[in-house]
Amino acid sequence: MQLSRRFIYLLQQFFKRFLTALMVISVCSIFLIIGGYRILPINAQPPRLNSVSSATTVAQQIDLGQPFRDLAVDGSIVIYDNDNNRFYEHNPTRNTTTFFPGSTFKILNALISLETSVIQDDVAVLTWDGIRRELPGLGEIAAWNRDTNLRQAFQNSTVWFYQVLARRNGYERMQQFVNQVGYGNRQIGTPDQIDHFWLDGPLQTTPKQQIEFLQRLDRNDLPFSQRTLDLVKDIMIIERTPTYTLRGKTGWVISVNPNIGWFVGYLEQNNNTYFFATNITMPSADAAAKRLDITRRCFKALGLL
């Protein structure tokens, strides 16, 4: 009986020591695991995972409305950062409002006309008809009143040149391409409107639709040959430096009062592409230069140009 009690006592002591040792091992293991992680204070922010999130935070603080206020201009701008899939906007409501495209339609008109061979290339010349043309508030435009070619007419926004191209393409063919491209509201009116439907309607487009069209142009996702696409992209170049290339087209809609000004295109810089559409109200001819000025200021606010 004495031996049995002694045995039970020893057995109890053994299990106590065993459980104690097991607990010590478990606690040490937990501290080792915790030691592999950095413990943050309750109010601390987690580390940023990449530079994109940082750039996005800064971008949200950029006020693209400041250039409009500085220049006393009513209008809007939308810039699309292709790599980061991000829009920067001032006046989003206006960016989804339709307007006549004016001379920004020369981009598509040039594409269609080269593709159909109504004009052979960018240096083929059309003869001036002798009619002197002018712009309200600016008077006669010398560059419009002479023989010219596709490239010069694009850069000088020579209206009569692109009206000739539209008539040569014809109503049915022009409507077919506008439908295929999905440009704006796709409405070019009746056959007798073939040479002015982009100036006073019924064709209309929004700034954001301009962005969509330019994106498709940039990635060669339009129903035109590579030769045609390359030629038009080349004549669209406004500025080329060692660090960036700026392509674009202005527009001036005089069929409404007050007039409407456009500047659309895309900037290639830092191995990225930024598509833009600026749309402003132009109460006078003096406002014409502000289309480009506002666009440049907005890009500079984004750290570009």
Foldseek 3Di string as FASTA:
>chain_A
DVVVVVVVVVVVVVVVVVVVVVVVVVVVVVVVVVVVDDDDPPPDDDDDPDCLVVLVVVLVVFDLCVLCVVVVWDWKKWKAWVVSRDIDIDPVVQQQDKDQQALQCLLVLLLLLCQVPVPVAQFGKDAAPQDFDDDVQGGTDVLLRGIGGNLSCQVSVNLVVSLVSQVVCFDVNVLVQCVQLVQAPSDQDDRVSSSPCSQQHPGIHGFVSLQVSQVCLVVVNGPGDPVSSVRSQVSQWPDDDPFKTWGWGKGWRVNDPQIKIWIWTWMQGPNIIMTMIIITGDNHPVCHVVNVVSVVVSQVSSVHD
